[in-house]
Amino acid sequence: QSWSRGMSYCLHSESHLDTGPIYVRENGKLHVVNRGAGSIQNVTPKARPFSLFSRTFSVELCMNREDDRARRQRTDHFIFTYTKEGNLRYSAKSLFSLVLGYISDNVDHIDSLIGFPEQIAEKLFSAAEARQKFTEPVTGLRALQKFTEAYGSLVLCSLCLRNRYLVISEKLEEIKSFRELTCLDLSCCKLGDEHELLEHLTKEALSSVKRLLLKDNSLSDAGLRRMTAPVRVLKKGLENLLVLDLSCNPKITDVGIGYLLSFKKLNCLDISGTGLKDVDAVIKRLQMQIGLVHSKVPLKEFDHSNCKTEGWAEQTILQWEQAVMEAMKPQDNLRSRAAALRFYGKTHRIEEVVKCTLVEPETKASGNLQFYKENIENCHLPLKKEVAGSHELKNNKKRALAEQERERTSKQKHLCLTVEDWDLLNTY
């Protein structure tokens, strides 16, 4: 009786949970309890699926709450392709690809790459470049410095920044991190004499530069004096310079040309469009002291086609330029407002991108002032037709050079540096 009262109490208790049928074993037999009558039926129980959760239970996938980076890391281990039938097929990536992707994601945490195989380093650089790691403000510079310290010219041997003064202003520290450059084109960037990048040209990291194009940069004699100070006094800096373009800088005068005489290895020089007062005297001075001959026709060294960006970081420079151009897009909406201000009499200056043309009107007016050395094998001019000088001219030049050398050696004993030169030396 107590058992039946207990069972009836359990059966008639108010419970909103459906616990299913109740089975009772008695005398070795299994019985099911009927809820309606509260009696026990001696029947074989029917199999009923056991419900672990209630009917109101809902499931939400956690992957919907994760960010894109976590989702990408989960699927980055596989390569997804489609078969001919249109079915999705995936295969696992190699361990090398997985490790390469992980290191490229954390490339800014690398301590050093010195001594690391350059074949693997190039793949690592490409992987980090594809993830645009070098465009990030702080970590990008730190990652780029690891590669430039270890591989130098392999990262970038030639850099063309013509008309890209916005890229220079935004990525100045990254540009300064490049080492062992042999060609640098900074034409039409309006840098001026005091720009930090021009001062960087005199550092040991860029002593390998052989081709330097500084056309239309608002340079003056003071800028040339600062740029040539290490070469003139310490025999360091741009001592290996072979090609120099200083055209379209009207503030450069005869005094500034005198500073260039310290570039003894110079093979080609362009000073067209400068503010020279006595052109004939400058031509004679360049020929007598460093052996540069005035060219009657334009030289191919200054047609701005030989200098291109070459190296691992070629796409990185394009990414920088693209990022700068995208940042300037919102400013295009201000043109309509500027036009309205001008219509209502408001004086408003509209900043336009200044394009640098290869042939300037000033250059045409002053004539072509390009110079080259006669005994250069890689010269692109038919020198025999233009400079068919006699033996007397060569002998006179040799005698003049000998006299200049004797004067230089005699003056070297009593060489005294000015206060301004000492100030310049203290800045390096």
Protein backbone atom coordinates (compact mmCIF):
# COMPACT_ATOMS: atom_id res chain seq x y z
CA GLN A 1 0.00 0.00 0.00
CA SER A 2 2.79 2.44 0.81
CA TRP A 3 4.38 1.67 -2.56
CA SER A 4 1.12 2.34 -4.42
CA ARG A 5 0.52 5.56 -2.49
CA GLY A 6 4.04 6.73 -3.33
CA MET A 7 3.57 5.93 -6.99
CA SER A 8 0.20 7.64 -7.13
CA TYR A 9 1.72 10.71 -5.53
CA CYS A 10 4.50 10.80 -8.13
CA LEU A 11 2.04 10.27 -10.93
CA HIS A 12 -0.45 12.93 -9.82
CA SER A 13 2.17 15.51 -8.81
CA GLU A 14 2.04 18.74 -10.76
CA SER A 15 5.17 18.64 -12.87
CA HIS A 16 5.50 20.52 -16.15
CA LEU A 17 8.41 18.33 -17.25
CA ASP A 18 7.63 15.27 -19.31
CA THR A 19 9.80 12.58 -17.81
CA GLY A 20 8.37 9.85 -20.05
CA PRO A 21 7.03 6.44 -18.92
CA ILE A 22 7.96 4.96 -15.55
CA TYR A 23 9.17 1.38 -15.39
CA VAL A 24 9.02 -0.76 -12.23
CA ARG A 25 10.76 -4.12 -11.78
CA GLU A 26 8.82 -6.59 -9.55
CA ASN A 27 9.59 -10.25 -9.05
CA GLY A 28 12.10 -10.14 -11.92
CA LYS A 29 9.64 -8.68 -14.39
CA LEU A 30 9.51 -5.15 -15.82
CA HIS A 31 6.18 -3.32 -15.66
CA VAL A 32 5.15 0.07 -17.03
CA VAL A 33 2.99 2.40 -14.97
CA ASN A 34 -0.21 3.74 -16.57
CA ARG A 35 -0.66 7.38 -15.61
CA GLY A 36 -4.34 7.49 -16.27
CA ALA A 37 -5.42 4.78 -13.83
CA GLY A 38 -2.34 4.63 -11.69
CA SER A 39 -2.16 0.85 -12.18
CA ILE A 40 0.63 -1.32 -13.40
CA GLN A 41 0.40 -3.13 -16.73
CA ASN A 42 2.46 -6.21 -17.40
CA VAL A 43 3.44 -5.36 -20.93
CA THR A 44 6.68 -5.19 -22.79
CA PRO A 45 7.88 -1.54 -22.88
CA LYS A 46 8.17 0.17 -26.23
CA ALA A 47 11.44 1.82 -27.12
CA ARG A 48 11.15 5.58 -26.88
CA PRO A 49 13.98 8.01 -27.63
CA PHE A 50 15.34 9.69 -24.60
CA SER A 51 15.16 13.53 -24.76
CA LEU A 52 18.19 15.24 -23.20
CA PHE A 53 16.95 18.82 -23.72
CA SER A 54 13.53 20.39 -23.42
CA ARG A 55 11.46 21.32 -26.46
CA THR A 56 12.17 25.04 -25.95
CA PHE A 57 15.98 24.52 -26.08
CA SER A 58 17.74 26.37 -28.94
CA VAL A 59 21.29 26.06 -30.27
CA GLU A 60 23.39 28.95 -31.59
CA LEU A 61 26.69 28.32 -33.33
CA CYS A 62 29.61 30.09 -31.66
CA MET A 63 31.37 30.62 -35.00
CA ASN A 64 28.86 33.34 -35.81
CA ARG A 65 30.24 35.38 -32.96
CA GLU A 66 33.88 35.04 -33.93
CA ASP A 67 35.75 37.65 -35.89
CA ASP A 68 36.95 37.27 -39.45
CA ARG A 69 40.53 36.63 -38.39
CA ALA A 70 39.59 33.54 -36.32
CA ARG A 71 37.42 32.22 -39.16
CA ARG A 72 40.27 32.75 -41.61
CA GLN A 73 42.73 30.94 -39.36
CA ARG A 74 40.37 27.95 -39.19
CA THR A 75 40.00 27.68 -42.97
CA ASP A 76 43.56 28.73 -43.80
CA HIS A 77 44.77 25.18 -43.29
CA PHE A 78 42.92 23.94 -46.38
CA ILE A 79 42.85 24.64 -50.10
CA PHE A 80 39.32 24.71 -51.51
CA THR A 81 38.78 23.76 -55.15
CA TYR A 82 35.89 22.53 -57.30
CA THR A 83 35.73 19.34 -59.33
CA LYS A 84 34.38 19.05 -62.86
CA GLU A 85 31.05 17.97 -61.48
CA GLY A 86 30.84 21.14 -59.38
CA ASN A 87 31.50 19.49 -56.04
CA LEU A 88 33.57 21.28 -53.42
CA ARG A 89 36.85 19.58 -52.69
CA TYR A 90 39.44 20.58 -50.13
CA SER A 91 42.96 19.41 -49.46
CA ALA A 92 45.27 20.16 -46.56
CA LYS A 93 48.12 22.63 -47.02
CA SER A 94 51.72 21.66 -46.50
CA LEU A 95 53.40 22.24 -43.17
CA PHE A 96 55.78 24.71 -44.83
CA SER A 97 52.88 26.84 -46.07
CA LEU A 98 51.24 26.83 -42.66
CA VAL A 99 54.45 27.86 -40.89
CA LEU A 100 55.14 30.52 -43.52
CA GLY A 101 51.69 31.99 -43.05
CA TYR A 102 52.01 32.02 -39.27
CA ILE A 103 55.41 33.75 -39.32
CA SER A 104 54.23 36.32 -41.88
CA ASP A 105 51.29 37.18 -39.64
CA ASN A 106 53.75 37.86 -36.81
CA VAL A 107 56.66 39.13 -38.88
CA ASP A 108 57.12 42.24 -36.72
CA HIS A 109 58.08 40.01 -33.75
CA ILE A 110 61.10 38.51 -35.51
CA ASP A 111 64.34 39.28 -33.67
CA SER A 112 66.71 39.08 -36.64
CA LEU A 113 67.02 37.59 -40.11
CA ILE A 114 70.79 37.90 -40.44
CA GLY A 115 72.17 34.59 -41.71
CA PHE A 116 68.73 33.28 -42.71
CA PRO A 117 68.58 31.78 -46.26
CA GLU A 118 67.55 34.45 -48.74
CA GLN A 119 65.41 32.02 -50.79
CA ILE A 120 63.12 31.39 -47.82
CA ALA A 121 63.32 35.05 -46.77
CA GLU A 122 62.01 36.14 -50.17
CA LYS A 123 58.99 33.87 -49.80
CA LEU A 124 58.43 35.18 -46.29
CA PHE A 125 58.61 38.76 -47.55
CA SER A 126 56.09 38.01 -50.32
CA ALA A 127 53.71 36.37 -47.84
CA ALA A 128 53.90 39.35 -45.49
CA GLU A 129 53.51 41.72 -48.43
CA ALA A 130 50.38 39.89 -49.59
CA ARG A 131 48.94 40.41 -46.11
CA GLN A 132 49.92 44.12 -46.36
CA LYS A 133 51.96 43.90 -43.18
CA PHE A 134 54.37 46.63 -44.37
CA THR A 135 51.59 49.20 -44.74
CA GLU A 136 50.77 49.19 -41.02
CA PRO A 137 51.92 52.35 -39.22
CA VAL A 138 54.24 51.00 -36.49
CA THR A 139 54.60 47.27 -36.97
CA GLY A 140 55.18 47.69 -40.71
CA LEU A 141 58.32 49.76 -40.15
CA ARG A 142 59.67 47.32 -37.58
CA ALA A 143 59.09 44.37 -39.91
CA LEU A 144 60.64 46.13 -42.90
CA GLN A 145 63.77 47.01 -40.95
CA LYS A 146 64.39 43.33 -40.18
CA PHE A 147 64.57 42.56 -43.90
CA THR A 148 66.61 45.61 -44.92
CA GLU A 149 69.18 44.99 -42.21
CA ALA A 150 69.75 41.43 -43.35
CA TYR A 151 69.39 41.60 -47.14
CA GLY A 152 69.99 45.22 -48.17
CA SER A 153 69.90 45.54 -51.97
CA LEU A 154 67.82 42.38 -52.39
CA VAL A 155 64.90 44.10 -50.71
CA LEU A 156 65.34 47.17 -52.93
CA CYS A 157 68.23 48.10 -55.21
CA SER A 158 66.49 50.87 -57.18
CA LEU A 159 63.79 53.25 -55.96
CA CYS A 160 61.77 55.63 -58.13
CA LEU A 161 59.77 58.25 -56.20
CA ARG A 162 59.27 60.71 -59.02
CA ASN A 163 56.19 62.90 -58.37
CA ARG A 164 55.48 60.94 -55.18
CA TYR A 165 56.14 63.57 -52.54
CA LEU A 166 53.02 62.46 -50.63
CA VAL A 167 54.46 58.96 -50.29
CA ILE A 168 57.71 60.49 -49.02
CA SER A 169 55.89 62.50 -46.37
CA GLU A 170 53.79 59.54 -45.20
CA LYS A 171 56.46 56.80 -45.36
CA LEU A 172 59.65 58.76 -44.68
CA GLU A 173 60.98 56.42 -41.98
CA GLU A 174 60.28 53.37 -44.11
CA ILE A 175 62.11 54.93 -47.07
CA LYS A 176 65.06 55.76 -44.84
CA SER A 177 65.29 52.12 -43.78
CA PHE A 178 66.31 50.98 -47.28
CA ARG A 179 70.00 50.23 -47.54
CA GLU A 180 72.46 49.65 -50.37
CA LEU A 181 70.40 51.49 -52.98
CA THR A 182 72.22 52.01 -56.25
CA CYS A 183 69.61 54.22 -57.97
CA LEU A 184 67.34 56.83 -56.38
CA ASP A 185 64.94 59.05 -58.32
CA LEU A 186 63.50 61.96 -56.30
CA SER A 187 62.58 64.15 -59.25
CA CYS A 188 59.76 66.70 -58.95
CA CYS A 189 59.22 66.26 -55.21
CA LYS A 190 59.90 69.89 -54.11
CA LEU A 191 61.93 68.73 -51.13
CA GLY A 192 64.01 71.88 -50.59
CA ASP A 193 67.36 72.26 -48.88
CA GLU A 194 66.31 71.30 -45.34
CA HIS A 195 64.43 68.09 -46.02
CA GLU A 196 65.31 65.14 -43.81
CA LEU A 197 65.60 62.77 -46.76
CA LEU A 198 68.31 64.89 -48.39
CA GLU A 199 70.27 64.79 -45.15
CA HIS A 200 69.84 61.02 -45.12
CA LEU A 201 71.56 60.84 -48.52
CA THR A 202 74.86 61.69 -46.85
CA LYS A 203 74.66 58.76 -44.40
CA GLU A 204 76.69 55.59 -44.74
CA ALA A 205 73.57 53.53 -45.49
CA LEU A 206 73.29 55.23 -48.90
CA SER A 207 76.97 55.40 -49.77
CA SER A 208 76.23 52.81 -52.47
CA VAL A 209 74.08 55.22 -54.52
CA LYS A 210 75.51 55.58 -58.02
CA ARG A 211 72.58 57.26 -59.76
CA LEU A 212 70.82 60.20 -58.07
CA LEU A 213 68.10 62.25 -59.78
CA LEU A 214 67.13 65.47 -57.98
CA LYS A 215 65.39 67.33 -60.76
CA ASP A 216 62.99 70.13 -59.75
CA ASN A 217 63.44 69.96 -55.97
CA SER A 218 63.86 73.66 -55.11
CA LEU A 219 67.52 73.14 -54.28
CA SER A 220 70.01 75.97 -53.83
CA ASP A 221 73.72 76.33 -53.20
CA ALA A 222 73.15 75.76 -49.47
CA GLY A 223 71.55 72.38 -50.16
CA LEU A 224 74.43 71.28 -52.37
CA ARG A 225 76.88 72.42 -49.73
CA ARG A 226 75.22 70.27 -47.06
CA MET A 227 74.90 67.31 -49.41
CA THR A 228 78.56 67.34 -50.43
CA ALA A 229 80.10 68.18 -47.04
CA PRO A 230 80.96 64.55 -46.07
CA VAL A 231 82.55 63.93 -49.47
CA ARG A 232 84.54 67.15 -49.48
CA VAL A 233 85.90 66.81 -45.96
CA LEU A 234 85.60 63.21 -44.76
CA LYS A 235 85.66 61.39 -48.11
CA LYS A 236 82.39 59.66 -47.17
CA GLY A 237 78.77 59.86 -48.22
CA LEU A 238 78.03 59.99 -51.95
CA GLU A 239 81.60 59.18 -52.91
CA ASN A 240 80.53 56.49 -55.45
CA LEU A 241 78.12 58.75 -57.33
CA LEU A 242 78.28 58.30 -61.12
CA VAL A 243 75.15 60.04 -62.46
CA LEU A 244 73.68 63.24 -60.96
CA ASP A 245 70.67 65.20 -62.19
CA LEU A 246 70.23 68.72 -60.77
CA SER A 247 68.21 70.21 -63.61
CA CYS A 248 65.33 72.66 -63.11
CA ASN A 249 66.69 74.02 -59.83
CA PRO A 250 67.03 77.75 -60.65
CA LYS A 251 68.49 78.64 -57.24
CA ILE A 252 71.69 76.73 -57.97
CA THR A 253 74.42 79.13 -59.11
CA ASP A 254 78.08 78.96 -60.05
CA VAL A 255 79.01 78.66 -56.36
CA GLY A 256 76.94 75.50 -55.96
CA ILE A 257 78.57 73.90 -58.99
CA GLY A 258 81.90 74.30 -57.23
CA TYR A 259 80.75 71.92 -54.51
CA LEU A 260 80.19 69.19 -57.13
CA LEU A 261 83.87 69.09 -58.02
CA SER A 262 84.42 66.74 -55.08
CA PHE A 263 82.59 63.96 -56.99
CA LYS A 264 85.66 62.61 -58.74
CA LYS A 265 83.86 59.47 -60.02
CA LEU A 266 81.04 61.46 -61.62
CA ASN A 267 80.44 60.37 -65.24
CA CYS A 268 77.23 62.22 -66.17
CA LEU A 269 75.89 65.54 -64.88
CA ASP A 270 72.78 67.54 -65.80
CA ILE A 271 72.57 71.17 -64.65
CA SER A 272 70.10 72.40 -67.25
CA GLY A 273 67.65 75.00 -65.99
CA THR A 274 69.87 76.21 -63.14
CA GLY A 275 70.73 79.82 -62.31
CA LEU A 276 74.25 79.90 -63.72
CA LYS A 277 75.69 83.35 -64.43
CA ASP A 278 78.80 82.46 -66.43
CA VAL A 279 77.98 79.29 -68.34
CA ASP A 280 81.20 79.20 -70.32
CA ALA A 281 83.30 79.42 -67.16
CA VAL A 282 81.34 76.55 -65.57
CA ILE A 283 81.78 74.40 -68.69
CA LYS A 284 85.55 74.95 -68.67
CA ARG A 285 85.77 74.34 -64.94
CA LEU A 286 83.94 71.01 -65.12
CA GLN A 287 86.09 69.88 -68.02
CA MET A 288 89.40 70.88 -66.48
CA GLN A 289 88.85 69.58 -62.93
CA ILE A 290 86.72 66.42 -63.22
CA GLY A 291 86.94 65.72 -66.95
CA LEU A 292 83.26 66.26 -67.87
CA VAL A 293 82.61 67.29 -71.48
CA HIS A 294 79.61 69.35 -72.53
CA SER A 295 77.19 67.28 -74.62
CA LYS A 296 75.58 68.76 -77.74
CA VAL A 297 72.62 66.39 -77.66
CA PRO A 298 70.52 65.10 -74.73
CA LEU A 299 71.92 62.09 -72.91
CA LYS A 300 69.91 58.93 -72.40
CA GLU A 301 71.01 58.80 -68.78
CA PHE A 302 68.61 61.64 -68.00
CA ASP A 303 65.48 60.55 -69.88
CA HIS A 304 64.01 59.11 -66.63
CA SER A 305 63.40 55.70 -68.19
CA ASN A 306 66.33 53.81 -66.69
CA CYS A 307 65.37 54.40 -63.06
CA LYS A 308 62.66 52.01 -61.89
CA THR A 309 61.71 50.45 -58.59
CA GLU A 310 63.33 47.02 -58.45
CA GLY A 311 63.54 44.48 -55.63
CA TRP A 312 61.38 42.47 -53.27
CA ALA A 313 59.58 45.60 -52.07
CA GLU A 314 58.41 46.71 -55.51
CA GLN A 315 54.77 45.89 -54.71
CA THR A 316 55.15 47.44 -51.26
CA ILE A 317 55.86 50.85 -52.81
CA LEU A 318 52.73 50.49 -54.94
CA GLN A 319 50.72 49.61 -51.82
CA TRP A 320 51.98 52.76 -50.12
CA GLU A 321 51.00 54.89 -53.08
CA GLN A 322 47.58 53.27 -53.29
CA ALA A 323 46.98 53.89 -49.57
CA VAL A 324 47.92 57.56 -49.96
CA MET A 325 45.61 57.98 -52.95
CA GLU A 326 42.72 56.35 -51.09
CA ALA A 327 43.28 58.70 -48.16
CA MET A 328 42.99 61.67 -50.54
CA LYS A 329 39.67 60.57 -52.06
CA PRO A 330 37.43 62.29 -49.45
CA GLN A 331 39.07 65.61 -50.34
CA ASP A 332 37.56 65.45 -53.83
CA ASN A 333 34.16 66.29 -52.33
CA LEU A 334 35.50 69.68 -51.29
CA ARG A 335 35.96 70.85 -54.89
CA SER A 336 32.31 71.81 -55.28
CA ARG A 337 32.49 73.85 -52.11
CA ALA A 338 35.65 75.57 -53.32
CA ALA A 339 33.95 76.40 -56.62
CA ALA A 340 31.03 77.91 -54.72
CA LEU A 341 33.36 80.06 -52.64
CA ARG A 342 35.05 81.36 -55.75
CA PHE A 343 31.66 82.10 -57.34
CA TYR A 344 30.62 84.23 -54.39
CA GLY A 345 33.87 86.17 -54.42
CA LYS A 346 35.67 84.23 -51.74
CA THR A 347 39.34 83.79 -52.47
CA HIS A 348 40.07 80.13 -52.05
CA ARG A 349 43.19 78.37 -53.19
CA ILE A 350 42.71 74.94 -54.68
CA GLU A 351 45.69 72.65 -54.24
CA GLU A 352 46.40 70.68 -57.39
CA VAL A 353 48.91 67.92 -57.84
CA VAL A 354 51.93 69.40 -59.57
CA LYS A 355 53.09 67.29 -62.47
CA CYS A 356 56.72 67.31 -63.47
CA THR A 357 57.36 67.44 -67.18
CA LEU A 358 60.54 66.05 -68.63
CA VAL A 359 61.27 69.15 -70.74
CA GLU A 360 60.98 72.41 -68.86
CA PRO A 361 60.68 75.83 -70.52
CA GLU A 362 63.60 77.06 -68.41
CA THR A 363 65.75 74.28 -69.77
CA LYS A 364 64.91 75.24 -73.33
CA ALA A 365 65.76 78.86 -72.64
CA SER A 366 69.14 78.24 -71.02
CA GLY A 367 70.06 75.41 -73.34
CA ASN A 368 71.11 71.86 -72.72
CA LEU A 369 73.75 71.67 -70.00
CA GLN A 370 74.47 67.96 -69.79
CA PHE A 371 77.98 66.62 -69.33
CA TYR A 372 79.68 63.25 -69.70
CA LYS A 373 83.13 61.71 -69.59
CA GLU A 374 84.81 60.71 -72.80
CA ASN A 375 86.42 57.45 -71.75
CA ILE A 376 83.26 55.73 -70.53
CA GLU A 377 82.39 52.43 -72.18
CA ASN A 378 78.70 52.54 -71.27
CA CYS A 379 78.12 55.99 -72.71
CA HIS A 380 75.13 56.07 -75.09
CA LEU A 381 76.38 58.84 -77.35
CA PRO A 382 78.34 58.54 -80.59
CA LEU A 383 81.31 60.29 -79.04
CA LYS A 384 83.58 59.97 -82.09
CA LYS A 385 81.36 62.21 -84.21
CA GLU A 386 80.80 64.88 -81.61
CA VAL A 387 84.09 65.02 -79.74
CA ALA A 388 86.71 64.52 -82.43
CA GLY A 389 89.25 66.65 -80.59
CA SER A 390 92.84 66.94 -81.71
CA HIS A 391 95.86 65.71 -79.82
CA GLU A 392 96.68 69.26 -78.83
CA LEU A 393 93.43 69.60 -76.90
CA LYS A 394 94.13 66.37 -75.02
CA ASN A 395 97.68 67.45 -74.23
CA ASN A 396 96.50 70.84 -73.02
CA LYS A 397 93.94 69.18 -70.79
CA LYS A 398 96.55 66.83 -69.35
CA ARG A 399 98.88 69.72 -68.58
CA ALA A 400 96.07 71.72 -67.00
CA LEU A 401 95.04 68.75 -64.87
CA ALA A 402 98.63 68.29 -63.74
CA GLU A 403 98.84 71.94 -62.73
CA GLN A 404 95.57 71.67 -60.82
CA GLU A 405 96.84 68.59 -59.03
CA ARG A 406 100.05 70.37 -58.00
CA GLU A 407 98.06 73.34 -56.71
CA ARG A 408 95.73 71.04 -54.80
CA THR A 409 98.58 69.15 -53.11
CA SER A 410 100.34 72.38 -52.19
CA LYS A 411 97.18 73.84 -50.70
CA GLN A 412 96.42 70.66 -48.80
CA LYS A 413 99.26 71.38 -46.42
CA HIS A 414 97.66 74.64 -45.33
CA LEU A 415 94.01 73.46 -45.42
CA CYS A 416 91.83 75.28 -42.91
CA LEU A 417 88.14 74.52 -42.37
CA THR A 418 85.69 77.34 -41.91
CA VAL A 419 83.34 77.56 -38.96
CA GLU A 420 80.39 76.65 -41.17
CA ASP A 421 82.12 73.48 -42.35
CA TRP A 422 82.78 72.46 -38.75
CA ASP A 423 79.11 73.04 -37.90
CA LEU A 424 78.11 70.84 -40.80
CA LEU A 425 80.47 68.08 -39.73
CA ASN A 426 79.06 68.10 -36.21
CA THR A 427 75.61 67.32 -37.58
CA TYR A 428 76.72 63.97 -39.04
